[in-house]
Amino acid sequence: MSKPPSDLPHRPPAAFAYEDEAAVPRDNGRQQQGRRKPESFSDEIILTPDDDDPFNPDRDASAVPVATPRKRRTSFGKIALGAFGILLSLGIGLWTDRLIRDLFTRADWLGYAALGVLAIGVLAVLALVIRETAGMMRLAAVQAIKAEAEAAILDTRPAKARAVVARLTTLLAANPETSKGRATLKATEGEVIDPPHLIALAERELLAPLDRKARALIVNASKRVSIVTAVSPRAIVDLLYVLYESVRLIRAMAELYGGRPGTLGMFRLLRDVLAHLAVTGSIAVGDSLVQQVLGHGLASKLSARLGEGVINGLMTARIGIAAMDLCRPLAFRAVKRPGIGDFIGDLTPSMSPRGNNP
């Protein structure tokens, strides 16, 4: 072990004055602030729910909001349309009265023939009004059952839940696919007393078979749109065919779940679906879905035109999911709600695991 050199001077002990930490300059040229005195906070701490927390890893960022019917409001346009409609009806009535009077002055049989034609027309209009009113009432009944089911789940007594199940059974009584479910509910009547479990049982037994058929309707419509738009020569043909298939799909979805809308009810459903797609940004397939499709190697396997057909098919599937949300008598609770990702494998078999098998 070497000794320290003897020529280095030994420093004698010295005393150093203590300086306040607040006066010591920091490396960045600013003086450190003094310590903050303890304080109490009277404000209430509000925790962010897990579903609203964007940094929650369990939160599904790709989940699409459930479609709900728009609230009907009275507007000045509706008032003006009703007023001019009444005025036009009065004008047509006066013109018809004058025409029949003129025909009677020419010949009695012409007047009676005009009266008969008028009676047939009035009866046809009344039948049309009754049909449209019945269709609107059926759509309203579906939404009423859905609202009553949500309220019955929160109630501790099973009376409301049983009433909802009874109304749902009556609504779907004409559908043969619900016969087994109706028999199961009849056999277990009075055994389930918990409202959430009773609603869940009705959803599984009555709506699960209809959900499978609804999924088949969406898949078939999406495949037809995908094929037709892939081979069509014009963009206007693509647009018209997508609109045609969308209207057919929405009507079939409403009839499947017991709605059976008329012409006015069909326009209302179509407007609600398009409004939901416009609000959620799904009227055109988003960049994330395009990247998901292209990321599976679709661009290298299919032509550009066929890729556009697949995108149009996925947009049709999105319309079908929104129509399913609007026409289904119960919200998705006991049964998993389908998503747009569930139809990618049906439209592009090469991207599904079974498509890679020999």
Protein backbone atom coordinates (compact mmCIF):
# COMPACT_ATOMS: atom_id res chain seq x y z
CA MET A 1 0.00 0.00 0.00
CA SER A 2 1.53 3.27 -1.12
CA LYS A 3 1.72 6.25 1.21
CA PRO A 4 0.47 9.68 0.17
CA PRO A 5 3.15 12.08 -0.98
CA SER A 6 4.65 14.07 1.84
CA ASP A 7 5.00 17.24 -0.19
CA LEU A 8 1.14 17.88 -0.21
CA PRO A 9 0.16 20.38 2.49
CA HIS A 10 -2.30 19.27 5.15
CA ARG A 11 -5.44 21.52 5.32
CA PRO A 12 -6.24 22.58 8.86
CA PRO A 13 -9.85 22.23 10.13
CA ALA A 14 -12.07 25.24 9.40
CA ALA A 15 -15.64 26.38 10.20
CA PHE A 16 -18.23 27.20 7.53
CA ALA A 17 -21.24 29.49 7.90
CA TYR A 18 -24.65 27.92 7.21
CA GLU A 19 -26.59 29.57 4.36
CA ASP A 20 -30.34 29.41 3.93
CA GLU A 21 -31.41 27.00 1.22
CA ALA A 22 -33.68 29.64 -0.31
CA ALA A 23 -30.71 31.94 -0.92
CA VAL A 24 -28.58 29.35 -2.71
CA PRO A 25 -28.74 29.96 -6.48
CA ARG A 26 -29.62 27.00 -8.67
CA ASP A 27 -27.80 25.96 -11.81
CA ASN A 28 -30.33 27.63 -14.08
CA GLY A 29 -29.82 31.02 -12.43
CA ARG A 30 -33.12 31.10 -10.55
CA GLN A 31 -33.38 30.90 -6.81
CA GLN A 32 -35.24 27.95 -5.33
CA GLN A 33 -38.56 28.95 -3.84
CA GLY A 34 -39.20 28.52 -0.16
CA ARG A 35 -41.18 25.59 1.08
CA ARG A 36 -44.95 25.91 0.83
CA LYS A 37 -46.87 25.86 4.07
CA PRO A 38 -49.30 22.97 4.57
CA GLU A 39 -52.79 23.79 3.36
CA SER A 40 -56.14 22.04 3.37
CA PHE A 41 -58.35 21.67 0.31
CA SER A 42 -62.08 21.90 0.73
CA ASP A 43 -63.00 21.05 -2.88
CA GLU A 44 -64.44 17.59 -3.48
CA ILE A 45 -62.30 15.24 -5.52
CA ILE A 46 -64.21 13.79 -8.49
CA LEU A 47 -62.90 10.59 -10.00
CA THR A 48 -63.25 10.00 -13.73
CA PRO A 49 -65.32 6.90 -14.53
CA ASP A 50 -63.46 4.06 -16.20
CA ASP A 51 -65.67 4.24 -19.29
CA ASP A 52 -64.82 7.93 -19.79
CA ASP A 53 -61.12 7.64 -19.02
CA PRO A 54 -59.21 7.82 -22.34
CA PHE A 55 -56.13 6.29 -20.71
CA ASN A 56 -57.95 3.23 -19.41
CA PRO A 57 -56.49 0.19 -21.21
CA ASP A 58 -59.72 -1.75 -20.81
CA ARG A 59 -61.75 0.88 -22.63
CA ASP A 60 -62.68 -0.02 -26.20
CA ALA A 61 -61.71 2.99 -28.28
CA SER A 62 -63.28 1.56 -31.44
CA ALA A 63 -66.74 1.05 -29.94
CA VAL A 64 -69.45 2.73 -31.93
CA PRO A 65 -72.27 4.48 -30.04
CA VAL A 66 -75.60 2.69 -30.06
CA ALA A 67 -78.14 4.16 -32.46
CA THR A 68 -81.16 5.74 -30.78
CA PRO A 69 -84.24 7.37 -32.36
CA ARG A 70 -84.18 11.11 -32.64
CA LYS A 71 -86.54 13.18 -30.53
CA ARG A 72 -89.51 14.51 -32.47
CA ARG A 73 -89.80 18.27 -32.19
CA THR A 74 -92.26 20.76 -33.58
CA SER A 75 -90.65 23.21 -35.98
CA PHE A 76 -91.85 26.13 -38.07
CA GLY A 77 -91.30 24.05 -41.20
CA LYS A 78 -93.70 21.37 -39.98
CA ILE A 79 -96.28 24.01 -39.05
CA ALA A 80 -95.99 25.66 -42.47
CA LEU A 81 -96.21 22.28 -44.22
CA GLY A 82 -99.34 21.38 -42.27
CA ALA A 83 -100.99 24.74 -42.99
CA PHE A 84 -100.31 24.57 -46.74
CA GLY A 85 -101.45 20.94 -46.76
CA ILE A 86 -104.81 21.90 -45.28
CA LEU A 87 -105.12 24.75 -47.79
CA LEU A 88 -104.33 22.41 -50.68
CA SER A 89 -106.88 19.89 -49.39
CA LEU A 90 -109.57 22.59 -49.30
CA GLY A 91 -108.69 23.61 -52.84
CA ILE A 92 -108.92 20.02 -54.09
CA GLY A 93 -112.27 19.63 -52.29
CA LEU A 94 -113.72 22.76 -53.92
CA TRP A 95 -112.43 21.67 -57.34
CA THR A 96 -113.97 18.20 -56.89
CA ASP A 97 -117.30 19.69 -55.83
CA ARG A 98 -117.37 21.98 -58.87
CA LEU A 99 -116.43 19.09 -61.18
CA ILE A 100 -119.20 16.83 -59.88
CA ARG A 101 -121.76 19.64 -60.18
CA ASP A 102 -120.72 20.27 -63.79
CA LEU A 103 -120.98 16.56 -64.57
CA PHE A 104 -124.51 16.43 -63.11
CA THR A 105 -125.54 19.36 -65.31
CA ARG A 106 -124.35 17.45 -68.38
CA ALA A 107 -125.75 14.02 -67.47
CA ASP A 108 -126.89 12.36 -64.31
CA TRP A 109 -124.96 9.15 -64.94
CA LEU A 110 -121.70 11.15 -65.27
CA GLY A 111 -122.33 12.73 -61.88
CA TYR A 112 -123.08 9.39 -60.23
CA ALA A 113 -120.00 7.85 -61.83
CA ALA A 114 -117.88 10.69 -60.47
CA LEU A 115 -119.39 10.17 -57.01
CA GLY A 116 -118.52 6.47 -57.16
CA VAL A 117 -114.95 7.17 -58.19
CA LEU A 118 -114.68 9.75 -55.41
CA ALA A 119 -115.98 7.22 -52.86
CA ILE A 120 -113.43 4.62 -54.01
CA GLY A 121 -110.63 7.17 -53.76
CA VAL A 122 -111.70 8.28 -50.27
CA LEU A 123 -111.82 4.66 -49.06
CA ALA A 124 -108.37 3.99 -50.52
CA VAL A 125 -106.96 7.07 -48.78
CA LEU A 126 -108.54 6.00 -45.48
CA ALA A 127 -107.05 2.52 -45.83
CA LEU A 128 -103.66 4.08 -46.57
CA VAL A 129 -103.92 6.33 -43.52
CA ILE A 130 -104.92 3.39 -41.30
CA ARG A 131 -102.00 1.32 -42.60
CA GLU A 132 -99.48 4.09 -42.06
CA THR A 133 -100.88 4.84 -38.61
CA ALA A 134 -100.65 1.16 -37.65
CA GLY A 135 -97.05 1.05 -38.86
CA MET A 136 -96.13 4.12 -36.83
CA MET A 137 -97.85 2.63 -33.78
CA ARG A 138 -95.88 -0.62 -34.15
CA LEU A 139 -92.61 1.31 -34.29
CA ALA A 140 -93.67 3.32 -31.25
CA ALA A 141 -94.56 0.08 -29.43
CA VAL A 142 -91.05 -1.28 -30.06
CA GLN A 143 -89.47 1.84 -28.60
CA ALA A 144 -91.91 1.81 -25.68
CA ILE A 145 -90.95 -1.78 -24.81
CA LYS A 146 -87.28 -0.83 -24.91
CA ALA A 147 -87.82 2.13 -22.57
CA GLU A 148 -90.01 0.11 -20.20
CA ALA A 149 -87.40 -2.66 -20.06
CA GLU A 150 -84.70 -0.19 -19.03
CA ALA A 151 -86.97 1.13 -16.28
CA ALA A 152 -88.00 -2.38 -15.15
CA ILE A 153 -84.37 -3.44 -14.70
CA LEU A 154 -83.91 -0.71 -12.10
CA ASP A 155 -87.08 -1.69 -10.22
CA THR A 156 -86.89 -4.17 -7.36
CA ARG A 157 -90.34 -5.61 -7.97
CA PRO A 158 -90.82 -8.09 -10.84
CA ALA A 159 -94.25 -6.79 -11.88
CA LYS A 160 -92.90 -4.33 -14.47
CA ALA A 161 -90.43 -6.85 -15.85
CA ARG A 162 -93.17 -9.44 -16.28
CA ALA A 163 -95.34 -6.89 -18.06
CA VAL A 164 -92.46 -6.08 -20.42
CA VAL A 165 -91.90 -9.78 -21.16
CA ALA A 166 -95.63 -10.23 -21.82
CA ARG A 167 -95.67 -7.29 -24.26
CA LEU A 168 -92.53 -8.57 -25.97
CA THR A 169 -94.05 -12.05 -26.31
CA THR A 170 -97.20 -10.57 -27.84
CA LEU A 171 -95.16 -8.46 -30.27
CA LEU A 172 -93.16 -11.47 -31.50
CA ALA A 173 -95.99 -14.04 -31.34
CA ALA A 174 -96.38 -14.09 -35.13
CA ASN A 175 -92.71 -14.95 -35.69
CA PRO A 176 -92.18 -18.74 -35.85
CA GLU A 177 -88.53 -18.40 -34.82
CA THR A 178 -89.61 -17.35 -31.33
CA SER A 179 -91.85 -20.35 -30.68
CA LYS A 180 -89.21 -22.24 -28.69
CA GLY A 181 -88.38 -19.16 -26.63
CA ARG A 182 -92.02 -18.47 -25.91
CA ALA A 183 -92.46 -22.06 -24.73
CA THR A 184 -89.43 -21.72 -22.44
CA LEU A 185 -90.76 -18.49 -20.94
CA LYS A 186 -94.17 -20.11 -20.46
CA ALA A 187 -92.58 -23.09 -18.67
CA THR A 188 -90.52 -20.87 -16.35
CA GLU A 189 -93.29 -18.37 -15.66
CA GLY A 190 -93.23 -17.31 -12.02
CA GLU A 191 -89.89 -18.98 -11.26
CA VAL A 192 -87.64 -15.98 -12.05
CA ILE A 193 -88.39 -13.05 -9.78
CA ASP A 194 -85.27 -10.91 -10.27
CA PRO A 195 -86.13 -8.23 -12.90
CA PRO A 196 -82.66 -8.09 -14.57
CA HIS A 197 -82.51 -11.87 -14.83
CA LEU A 198 -86.06 -12.01 -16.21
CA ILE A 199 -85.29 -9.42 -18.90
CA ALA A 200 -82.03 -11.23 -19.73
CA LEU A 201 -83.88 -14.55 -20.04
CA ALA A 202 -86.40 -13.00 -22.43
CA GLU A 203 -83.60 -11.47 -24.47
CA ARG A 204 -81.74 -14.76 -24.82
CA GLU A 205 -84.80 -16.88 -25.57
CA LEU A 206 -86.75 -14.50 -27.82
CA LEU A 207 -84.21 -12.19 -29.45
CA ALA A 208 -81.10 -14.37 -29.80
CA PRO A 209 -82.63 -16.40 -32.70
CA LEU A 210 -83.72 -13.16 -34.36
CA ASP A 211 -80.24 -11.69 -33.87
CA ARG A 212 -78.73 -14.62 -35.76
CA LYS A 213 -81.16 -14.07 -38.62
CA ALA A 214 -80.45 -10.33 -38.55
CA ARG A 215 -76.73 -11.04 -38.83
CA ALA A 216 -77.42 -13.25 -41.86
CA LEU A 217 -79.44 -10.42 -43.44
CA ILE A 218 -76.56 -7.98 -42.91
CA VAL A 219 -73.98 -10.42 -44.30
CA ASN A 220 -76.03 -11.18 -47.42
CA ALA A 221 -76.74 -7.50 -48.12
CA SER A 222 -73.08 -6.58 -47.59
CA LYS A 223 -71.93 -9.33 -49.95
CA ARG A 224 -74.34 -8.22 -52.66
CA VAL A 225 -73.19 -4.62 -52.33
CA SER A 226 -69.55 -5.69 -52.37
CA ILE A 227 -69.96 -7.73 -55.58
CA VAL A 228 -72.18 -5.29 -57.48
CA THR A 229 -70.11 -2.20 -56.67
CA ALA A 230 -66.93 -4.06 -57.59
CA VAL A 231 -68.13 -4.78 -61.14
CA SER A 232 -70.32 -1.73 -61.81
CA PRO A 233 -68.88 0.74 -64.33
CA ARG A 234 -70.31 3.96 -62.87
CA ALA A 235 -70.17 5.58 -59.44
CA ILE A 236 -73.83 6.58 -59.70
CA VAL A 237 -74.72 2.90 -60.05
CA ASP A 238 -72.79 2.17 -56.85
CA LEU A 239 -74.63 4.91 -54.98
CA LEU A 240 -78.09 3.86 -56.19
CA TYR A 241 -77.50 0.19 -55.44
CA VAL A 242 -76.14 0.90 -51.96
CA LEU A 243 -79.23 3.04 -51.26
CA TYR A 244 -81.51 0.29 -52.61
CA GLU A 245 -79.90 -2.43 -50.50
CA SER A 246 -79.88 -0.18 -47.43
CA VAL A 247 -83.62 0.48 -47.72
CA ARG A 248 -84.30 -3.24 -48.18
CA LEU A 249 -82.10 -4.10 -45.21
CA ILE A 250 -83.73 -1.56 -42.89
CA ARG A 251 -87.23 -2.73 -43.86
CA ALA A 252 -86.28 -6.40 -43.38
CA MET A 253 -84.75 -5.58 -40.00
CA ALA A 254 -87.90 -3.77 -38.84
CA GLU A 255 -90.15 -6.62 -39.99
CA LEU A 256 -87.91 -9.18 -38.30
CA TYR A 257 -88.23 -7.52 -34.89
CA GLY A 258 -91.98 -6.94 -35.18
CA GLY A 259 -92.00 -3.33 -36.42
CA ARG A 260 -93.42 -3.77 -39.95
CA PRO A 261 -93.36 -0.06 -40.84
CA GLY A 262 -95.35 1.59 -43.59
CA THR A 263 -94.02 4.11 -46.08
CA LEU A 264 -93.86 6.99 -43.59
CA GLY A 265 -92.40 4.76 -40.89
CA MET A 266 -89.79 3.55 -43.36
CA PHE A 267 -88.77 7.12 -44.15
CA ARG A 268 -88.52 7.85 -40.42
CA LEU A 269 -86.33 4.80 -39.83
CA LEU A 270 -84.12 5.66 -42.78
CA ARG A 271 -83.75 9.22 -41.52
CA ASP A 272 -82.82 8.02 -38.03
CA VAL A 273 -80.22 5.62 -39.41
CA LEU A 274 -78.65 8.24 -41.66
CA ALA A 275 -78.70 10.80 -38.85
CA HIS A 276 -76.91 8.35 -36.55
CA LEU A 277 -74.29 7.55 -39.17
CA ALA A 278 -73.72 11.25 -39.85
CA VAL A 279 -73.29 12.04 -36.15
CA THR A 280 -70.90 9.14 -35.50
CA GLY A 281 -68.89 9.79 -38.65
CA SER A 282 -69.69 6.38 -40.15
CA ILE A 283 -71.40 7.55 -43.34
CA ALA A 284 -68.07 6.74 -44.97
CA VAL A 285 -65.74 4.11 -43.62
CA GLY A 286 -63.13 5.72 -41.40
CA ASP A 287 -59.36 5.71 -41.84
CA SER A 288 -58.90 3.24 -39.00
CA LEU A 289 -61.04 0.63 -40.72
CA VAL A 290 -59.31 1.21 -44.04
CA GLN A 291 -55.94 0.77 -42.39
CA GLN A 292 -57.20 -2.35 -40.64
CA VAL A 293 -58.36 -3.85 -43.93
CA LEU A 294 -55.26 -2.87 -45.85
CA GLY A 295 -53.04 -3.94 -42.99
CA HIS A 296 -54.14 -7.56 -43.46
CA GLY A 297 -52.67 -7.60 -46.95
CA LEU A 298 -55.86 -6.94 -48.88
CA ALA A 299 -54.20 -4.40 -51.15
CA SER A 300 -51.63 -6.96 -52.29
CA LYS A 301 -54.21 -9.71 -52.89
CA LEU A 302 -57.15 -7.87 -54.43
CA SER A 303 -57.56 -5.28 -57.12
CA ALA A 304 -58.34 -1.68 -56.26
CA ARG A 305 -61.87 -2.00 -57.61
CA LEU A 306 -62.60 -5.09 -55.55
CA GLY A 307 -61.17 -3.32 -52.50
CA GLU A 308 -63.69 -0.51 -53.02
CA GLY A 309 -66.43 -3.13 -53.16
CA VAL A 310 -65.33 -4.52 -49.80
CA ILE A 311 -65.36 -1.03 -48.28
CA ASN A 312 -68.90 -0.44 -49.61
CA GLY A 313 -69.95 -3.78 -48.17
CA LEU A 314 -68.59 -2.82 -44.77
CA MET A 315 -70.48 0.47 -44.94
CA THR A 316 -73.67 -1.49 -45.66
CA ALA A 317 -72.91 -3.66 -42.63
CA ARG A 318 -72.59 -0.52 -40.52
CA ILE A 319 -76.02 0.63 -41.74
CA GLY A 320 -77.43 -2.78 -40.80
CA ILE A 321 -75.97 -2.56 -37.29
CA ALA A 322 -77.55 0.88 -36.80
CA ALA A 323 -80.90 -0.43 -38.05
CA MET A 324 -80.55 -3.37 -35.67
CA ASP A 325 -80.08 -0.95 -32.77
CA LEU A 326 -83.16 1.03 -33.74
CA CYS A 327 -85.52 -1.88 -34.49
CA ARG A 328 -84.56 -4.25 -31.65
CA PRO A 329 -87.17 -4.23 -28.85
CA LEU A 330 -84.51 -4.65 -26.11
CA ALA A 331 -81.09 -3.15 -25.73
CA PHE A 332 -78.07 -5.45 -25.94
CA ARG A 333 -77.35 -6.71 -22.43
CA ALA A 334 -77.39 -10.51 -22.19
CA VAL A 335 -76.39 -10.93 -25.86
CA LYS A 336 -73.23 -9.45 -27.37
CA ARG A 337 -73.83 -6.56 -29.74
CA PRO A 338 -72.29 -7.18 -33.18
CA GLY A 339 -69.56 -4.87 -34.39
CA ILE A 340 -68.19 -3.93 -37.78
CA GLY A 341 -65.18 -6.19 -37.16
CA ASP A 342 -67.48 -9.23 -37.05
CA PHE A 343 -68.25 -8.87 -40.76
CA ILE A 344 -64.74 -8.34 -42.13
CA GLY A 345 -64.05 -12.07 -42.21
CA ASP A 346 -67.32 -12.71 -44.09
CA LEU A 347 -66.51 -10.18 -46.82
CA THR A 348 -62.81 -11.04 -47.08
CA PRO A 349 -62.29 -14.74 -46.34
CA SER A 350 -58.54 -14.42 -46.93
CA MET A 351 -58.30 -12.27 -43.80
CA SER A 352 -60.09 -14.77 -41.55
CA PRO A 353 -58.27 -17.66 -39.89
CA ARG A 354 -60.35 -20.28 -41.69
CA GLY A 355 -59.60 -18.65 -45.01
CA ASN A 356 -55.93 -19.52 -44.66
CA ASN A 357 -56.59 -23.22 -44.13
CA PRO A 358 -56.27 -25.51 -47.15
